[in-house]
N, C-alpha and C. Protein backbone atom coordinates (compact mmCIF):
# COMPACT_ATOMS: atom_id res chain seq x y z
N UNK A 1 28.07 191.26 -75.38
CA UNK A 1 26.92 191.06 -76.14
C UNK A 1 25.73 191.65 -75.37
N UNK A 2 25.09 192.81 -75.96
CA UNK A 2 24.02 193.35 -75.36
C UNK A 2 22.73 192.47 -75.20
N UNK A 3 22.11 192.90 -74.17
CA UNK A 3 20.76 192.12 -73.81
C UNK A 3 19.70 192.92 -74.48
N UNK A 4 19.03 192.30 -75.56
CA UNK A 4 18.02 192.99 -76.20
C UNK A 4 16.77 192.88 -75.88
N UNK A 5 16.28 191.90 -74.93
CA UNK A 5 15.00 191.71 -74.26
C UNK A 5 14.69 192.90 -73.34
N UNK A 6 13.50 193.39 -73.36
CA UNK A 6 13.04 194.38 -72.45
C UNK A 6 12.92 193.78 -71.11
N UNK A 7 13.30 194.48 -70.09
CA UNK A 7 13.05 194.11 -68.67
C UNK A 7 11.58 193.81 -68.45
N UNK A 8 11.20 192.64 -67.74
CA UNK A 8 9.76 192.64 -67.27
C UNK A 8 9.40 193.51 -65.99
N UNK A 9 8.33 194.24 -66.06
CA UNK A 9 8.19 195.10 -64.88
C UNK A 9 6.70 194.63 -64.25
N UNK A 10 6.61 195.06 -62.96
CA UNK A 10 5.51 194.32 -62.28
C UNK A 10 4.70 195.73 -61.77
N UNK A 11 3.59 195.54 -61.67
CA UNK A 11 2.59 196.56 -61.14
C UNK A 11 2.70 196.46 -59.52
N UNK A 12 2.70 197.68 -58.89
CA UNK A 12 2.84 197.78 -57.55
C UNK A 12 2.20 199.04 -57.02
N UNK A 13 2.08 199.24 -55.64
CA UNK A 13 1.51 200.37 -55.15
C UNK A 13 2.55 201.12 -54.11
N UNK A 14 2.88 202.22 -54.33
CA UNK A 14 3.89 202.93 -53.61
C UNK A 14 3.51 202.76 -52.00
N UNK A 15 4.55 202.37 -51.09
CA UNK A 15 4.32 202.29 -49.70
C UNK A 15 4.22 203.54 -48.99
N UNK A 16 4.73 204.75 -49.75
CA UNK A 16 4.74 205.95 -49.08
C UNK A 16 3.30 206.82 -49.56
N UNK A 17 3.41 207.06 -50.85
CA UNK A 17 2.27 207.97 -51.49
C UNK A 17 0.97 207.24 -51.86
N UNK A 18 1.24 205.85 -51.99
CA UNK A 18 0.05 205.09 -52.40
C UNK A 18 -0.34 205.12 -53.98
N UNK A 19 0.59 205.83 -54.80
CA UNK A 19 0.26 205.80 -56.17
C UNK A 19 0.66 204.55 -56.94
N UNK A 20 0.06 204.24 -57.92
CA UNK A 20 0.51 202.87 -58.61
C UNK A 20 1.62 203.10 -59.45
N UNK A 21 2.52 202.06 -59.37
CA UNK A 21 3.78 202.34 -60.06
C UNK A 21 4.16 201.03 -60.63
N UNK A 22 5.33 200.90 -61.54
CA UNK A 22 5.81 199.89 -61.92
C UNK A 22 7.29 199.63 -61.63
N UNK A 23 7.77 198.41 -61.08
CA UNK A 23 9.02 198.17 -60.55
C UNK A 23 9.51 197.01 -61.19
N UNK A 24 11.01 196.74 -61.39
CA UNK A 24 11.60 195.71 -62.19
C UNK A 24 11.79 194.45 -61.47
N UNK A 25 10.89 194.03 -60.29
CA UNK A 25 11.01 192.89 -59.61
C UNK A 25 9.64 192.71 -59.06
N UNK A 26 9.39 191.30 -58.87
CA UNK A 26 8.08 190.98 -58.16
C UNK A 26 8.00 191.37 -56.88
N UNK A 27 7.05 192.09 -56.53
CA UNK A 27 6.93 192.76 -55.06
C UNK A 27 6.57 191.62 -54.17
N UNK A 28 7.06 191.55 -52.96
CA UNK A 28 6.64 190.69 -51.81
C UNK A 28 5.70 191.38 -50.87
N UNK A 29 4.80 190.60 -50.48
CA UNK A 29 3.86 191.14 -49.50
C UNK A 29 4.46 191.74 -48.21
N UNK A 30 5.33 191.17 -47.77
CA UNK A 30 5.92 191.49 -46.36
C UNK A 30 7.01 192.80 -46.56
N UNK A 31 7.07 193.36 -47.69
CA UNK A 31 8.18 194.45 -47.75
C UNK A 31 7.59 195.48 -48.72
N UNK A 32 7.78 196.79 -48.14
CA UNK A 32 7.04 197.70 -49.01
C UNK A 32 7.99 198.17 -50.31
N UNK A 33 7.32 198.61 -51.25
CA UNK A 33 7.95 199.28 -52.47
C UNK A 33 7.63 200.58 -52.69
N UNK A 34 8.43 201.35 -53.27
CA UNK A 34 8.33 202.80 -53.51
C UNK A 34 8.40 203.23 -54.98
N UNK A 35 7.58 204.26 -55.50
CA UNK A 35 7.58 204.71 -56.59
C UNK A 35 8.96 205.56 -56.79
N UNK A 36 9.26 205.90 -57.95
CA UNK A 36 10.55 206.42 -58.22
C UNK A 36 10.92 207.67 -57.34
N UNK A 37 9.70 208.61 -57.20
CA UNK A 37 9.95 209.81 -56.31
C UNK A 37 10.19 209.65 -54.81
N UNK A 38 9.47 208.51 -54.45
CA UNK A 38 9.50 208.31 -53.07
C UNK A 38 10.77 207.34 -52.71
N UNK A 39 11.11 206.64 -53.71
CA UNK A 39 12.52 205.89 -53.42
C UNK A 39 13.60 206.71 -52.95
N UNK A 40 13.65 207.90 -53.51
CA UNK A 40 14.77 208.79 -53.23
C UNK A 40 14.78 209.14 -51.81
N UNK A 41 13.64 209.06 -50.98
CA UNK A 41 13.58 209.20 -49.53
C UNK A 41 14.23 207.99 -48.73
N UNK A 42 14.23 206.88 -49.46
CA UNK A 42 14.49 205.74 -48.79
C UNK A 42 15.87 205.01 -49.22
N UNK A 43 16.57 205.76 -49.82
CA UNK A 43 17.89 205.41 -50.41
C UNK A 43 18.82 205.64 -49.19
N UNK A 44 19.87 204.55 -48.88
CA UNK A 44 20.83 204.71 -47.86
C UNK A 44 21.68 205.91 -48.22
N UNK A 45 22.09 206.65 -47.10
CA UNK A 45 23.03 207.78 -47.27
C UNK A 45 24.31 207.17 -47.75
N UNK A 46 25.04 208.08 -48.60
CA UNK A 46 26.30 207.52 -49.28
C UNK A 46 27.26 207.31 -48.05
N UNK A 47 28.14 206.44 -48.08
CA UNK A 47 29.12 206.13 -47.10
C UNK A 47 30.19 206.89 -47.25
N UNK A 48 30.84 207.59 -46.09
CA UNK A 48 31.87 208.25 -46.21
C UNK A 48 33.18 207.34 -46.24
N UNK A 49 34.36 207.98 -46.86
CA UNK A 49 35.55 207.16 -46.83
C UNK A 49 35.76 206.95 -48.22
N UNK A 50 36.68 205.94 -48.41
CA UNK A 50 37.14 205.52 -49.82
C UNK A 50 36.22 204.68 -50.59
N UNK A 51 36.70 204.00 -51.56
CA UNK A 51 35.92 203.19 -52.61
C UNK A 51 35.59 201.93 -51.95
N UNK A 52 35.36 200.82 -52.71
CA UNK A 52 34.97 199.56 -52.36
C UNK A 52 36.03 198.89 -51.68
N UNK A 53 35.79 198.22 -50.58
CA UNK A 53 36.59 197.54 -49.64
C UNK A 53 37.47 198.37 -48.74
N UNK A 54 37.39 199.73 -48.78
CA UNK A 54 38.23 200.39 -47.81
C UNK A 54 37.31 200.74 -46.52
N UNK A 55 38.10 200.93 -45.54
CA UNK A 55 37.20 201.30 -44.12
C UNK A 55 37.63 202.66 -43.81
N UNK A 56 36.75 203.39 -43.38
CA UNK A 56 37.07 204.78 -42.90
C UNK A 56 37.41 204.66 -41.51
N UNK A 57 38.00 205.80 -41.10
CA UNK A 57 38.45 206.01 -39.67
C UNK A 57 39.47 205.04 -39.05
N UNK A 58 40.08 204.18 -39.79
CA UNK A 58 41.15 203.22 -39.45
C UNK A 58 40.79 202.25 -38.42
N UNK A 59 39.45 202.11 -38.01
CA UNK A 59 39.03 201.39 -36.81
C UNK A 59 38.59 199.93 -37.41
N UNK A 60 38.26 199.89 -38.72
CA UNK A 60 37.67 198.77 -39.39
C UNK A 60 36.49 198.19 -38.73
N UNK A 61 35.67 199.14 -38.15
CA UNK A 61 34.38 198.75 -37.76
C UNK A 61 33.26 199.73 -38.46
N UNK A 62 32.27 199.30 -38.80
CA UNK A 62 31.16 199.96 -39.51
C UNK A 62 30.26 200.94 -38.69
N UNK A 63 30.27 200.81 -37.16
CA UNK A 63 29.27 201.40 -36.53
C UNK A 63 30.13 201.46 -35.09
N UNK A 64 29.43 202.16 -34.33
CA UNK A 64 29.81 202.45 -32.82
C UNK A 64 29.19 201.54 -31.81
N UNK A 65 28.37 200.53 -32.24
CA UNK A 65 27.93 199.56 -31.28
C UNK A 65 29.05 198.79 -30.56
N UNK A 66 28.81 198.56 -29.25
CA UNK A 66 29.95 197.72 -28.67
C UNK A 66 29.80 196.36 -29.26
N UNK A 67 31.00 195.64 -29.38
CA UNK A 67 31.06 194.33 -29.98
C UNK A 67 30.84 193.38 -28.82
N UNK A 68 29.91 192.47 -29.21
CA UNK A 68 29.65 191.27 -28.14
C UNK A 68 30.85 190.31 -28.20
N UNK A 69 31.09 190.12 -26.91
CA UNK A 69 32.33 189.24 -26.88
C UNK A 69 31.88 187.95 -26.07
N UNK A 70 32.47 186.83 -26.46
CA UNK A 70 32.10 185.61 -25.71
C UNK A 70 33.31 184.97 -25.04
N UNK A 71 33.10 184.32 -23.83
CA UNK A 71 34.09 183.61 -23.19
C UNK A 71 34.52 182.31 -23.81
N UNK A 72 35.95 182.00 -23.83
CA UNK A 72 36.24 180.72 -24.42
C UNK A 72 37.58 180.39 -23.41
N UNK A 73 37.95 179.23 -23.99
CA UNK A 73 39.34 178.57 -23.51
C UNK A 73 40.25 178.42 -24.63
N UNK A 74 41.47 179.13 -24.56
CA UNK A 74 42.27 178.83 -25.58
C UNK A 74 42.70 177.32 -26.15
N UNK A 75 42.72 176.96 -27.10
CA UNK A 75 43.07 175.62 -27.50
C UNK A 75 44.27 175.37 -27.54
N UNK A 76 45.38 176.37 -27.44
CA UNK A 76 46.75 176.02 -27.29
C UNK A 76 47.10 176.10 -25.85
N UNK A 77 47.04 177.22 -25.16
CA UNK A 77 47.66 177.47 -23.96
C UNK A 77 46.55 177.04 -22.79
N UNK A 78 45.44 177.16 -23.00
CA UNK A 78 44.20 176.71 -22.02
C UNK A 78 43.96 177.97 -21.25
N UNK A 79 44.44 179.08 -21.54
CA UNK A 79 43.93 180.26 -20.88
C UNK A 79 42.53 180.73 -21.13
N UNK A 80 41.79 181.26 -20.21
CA UNK A 80 40.53 181.84 -20.46
C UNK A 80 40.78 183.22 -21.35
N UNK A 81 39.67 183.28 -22.38
CA UNK A 81 39.95 184.67 -23.18
C UNK A 81 38.54 184.97 -23.51
N UNK A 82 38.64 186.00 -24.43
CA UNK A 82 37.23 186.51 -24.88
C UNK A 82 37.40 186.55 -26.45
N UNK A 83 36.32 186.14 -27.27
CA UNK A 83 36.43 186.15 -28.70
C UNK A 83 35.26 186.94 -29.31
N UNK A 84 35.35 187.61 -30.31
CA UNK A 84 34.29 188.31 -30.98
C UNK A 84 33.10 187.54 -31.65
N UNK A 85 33.16 186.13 -31.54
CA UNK A 85 32.20 185.38 -32.15
C UNK A 85 31.79 184.09 -31.13
N UNK A 86 30.68 183.67 -31.29
CA UNK A 86 30.29 182.52 -30.41
C UNK A 86 31.02 181.29 -30.93
N UNK A 87 31.88 180.68 -30.02
CA UNK A 87 32.59 179.42 -30.32
C UNK A 87 31.77 178.42 -30.56
N UNK A 88 32.40 177.38 -31.65
CA UNK A 88 31.61 176.16 -31.74
C UNK A 88 32.43 174.90 -31.06
N UNK A 89 31.68 174.02 -30.56
CA UNK A 89 32.21 172.99 -29.68
C UNK A 89 33.36 172.17 -30.59
N UNK A 90 33.13 172.09 -31.83
CA UNK A 90 33.88 171.14 -32.65
C UNK A 90 35.19 171.88 -33.25
N UNK A 91 35.41 173.27 -32.99
CA UNK A 91 36.40 173.82 -33.45
C UNK A 91 37.22 174.70 -32.39
N UNK A 92 38.61 174.39 -32.43
CA UNK A 92 39.33 175.29 -31.26
C UNK A 92 39.26 176.75 -31.55
N UNK A 93 39.39 177.44 -30.57
CA UNK A 93 39.67 178.98 -30.61
C UNK A 93 40.91 179.27 -29.87
N UNK A 94 41.51 180.45 -30.17
CA UNK A 94 42.88 180.76 -29.71
C UNK A 94 42.60 182.20 -29.04
N UNK A 95 43.62 182.37 -28.01
CA UNK A 95 43.73 183.68 -27.34
C UNK A 95 44.47 184.44 -28.55
N UNK A 96 44.52 185.84 -28.12
CA UNK A 96 45.24 186.66 -28.99
C UNK A 96 46.51 186.32 -29.29
N UNK A 97 47.15 185.81 -28.24
CA UNK A 97 48.77 185.67 -28.61
C UNK A 97 49.04 184.28 -29.37
N UNK A 98 48.15 183.37 -28.95
CA UNK A 98 48.26 182.01 -29.67
C UNK A 98 47.69 182.15 -31.23
N UNK A 99 46.60 183.01 -31.28
CA UNK A 99 46.04 183.24 -32.62
C UNK A 99 47.10 183.81 -33.59
N UNK A 100 48.13 184.76 -33.07
CA UNK A 100 49.11 185.47 -33.99
C UNK A 100 50.15 184.10 -34.29
N UNK A 101 50.33 183.37 -33.34
CA UNK A 101 51.32 182.19 -33.70
C UNK A 101 50.76 181.41 -34.89
N UNK A 102 49.47 181.22 -34.94
CA UNK A 102 48.88 180.28 -35.93
C UNK A 102 48.83 181.17 -37.23
N UNK A 103 48.69 182.42 -37.18
CA UNK A 103 48.53 183.32 -38.32
C UNK A 103 49.88 183.28 -39.12
N UNK A 104 51.02 183.19 -38.30
CA UNK A 104 52.38 183.34 -38.87
C UNK A 104 52.84 182.27 -39.27
N UNK A 105 52.43 181.01 -38.94
CA UNK A 105 52.87 179.70 -39.43
C UNK A 105 52.37 179.40 -40.69
């Protein structure tokens, strides 16, 4: 079913060129908005690789920053290990080997 009502537009001032413009959302004081021409300079670069949900490069990481690792103790074997998230006290974590055993069960 088509949407017949026109979209409400809001008056704003472009954060780059300073020209008055209209935007389809209510502007926030803490974030700049841009006119149609200046917005093109702020659009994110298109991502390389495949479509939605695909990861390029086969690494599964979106950037080259080193991943922060946290020390933990495996809830099954008791060995010290490192995990890529901050562990919570109320939930067990598993080393790589024990984690695979939990995934396969």
